[in-house]
Amino acid sequence: MEDTPVAFAVELDRTSPVPLYHQLALAIERAIETGVLKPGDRLENEVALTARLGLARPTARQAIQELVNRGMLVRKRGVGTQVVQPHVRREVRLTSLFDDLAAEGRVPGTELLSLDECGAEEVPEPPGLPARLTRIRRLRSADGVRLAILTNYLPERFTVAGPDLERTGLYALLRAQGASFRIAHQSIGARLMTEAEATLLGEEEPAACVTVRRSVYDDTGAFVETGTHVYRASQYTVRTSLVV
């Protein structure tokens, strides 16, 4: 994290019909997207920014607030305005978080929290699970920033090892053992994190999380895996397309 504010080039067209606050917001956004401003970098304060650009303070304040509302900047008391870590944005489809992060150019990381056996009575849904299951708990990160707690349950016909789980995605391991994914049932929700979840994910309470429960079946209708996942709402967005 930078100790001093990071200055960046801004070109404003005062003859344009585009409001100056929006032009400034676009300039800050471009600086973030091109890496001129990096996660953790601190912006100039409003006094310095407006003096340098010849703007009124309300104009700079409105530009910064626009990006705060979009989750690109955050205001911190005693620190100033900082660039936040970019959100992970995922489409609603049956994919591996590990693979999605890698596809976006992010660096996925995994810490195995536990790998053991449990009974089906410990898993509230779906019904009809095998009596004994393999339970996996992992802490997933993106570019070194903690992102999600993943808990998955597998039938005993699949075997997974700790080192493999820490260097690749679960779905890749299952496919290598002959799993052919066909259909998944998924529900997405939101709630406050528990104290233990907030500690693991490095959030200050109260903190919101996105929750996902998913059950996957193969092309014969056989159960493949079910999982309950908790994502940091400050770092994670679910995206879907609607056809009209």
Foldseek 3Di string as FASTA:
>chain_A
DDQDAQDDDADDDPVDPPDRLQSVLVRVVVCDVVVVADFFHAHDALVVVCVVVVHDSVSPVSSLVVVVVVLQWDQDPPRGIGGHDAAQEAEPDPDFPCVSLVVVVWHKFKDWPDWAKDAPVVPPDDPDDDGMWIWTWMFMDTNPATWKIKIKIFPPVADDDDVVVGPGTPVVSLVVVPAAWDDKDKDKDKDFDDPVVCVSNVHDPRFMWIWMWMWTAGPVRHTGMIMIMITGPSHYHYDYDDDD
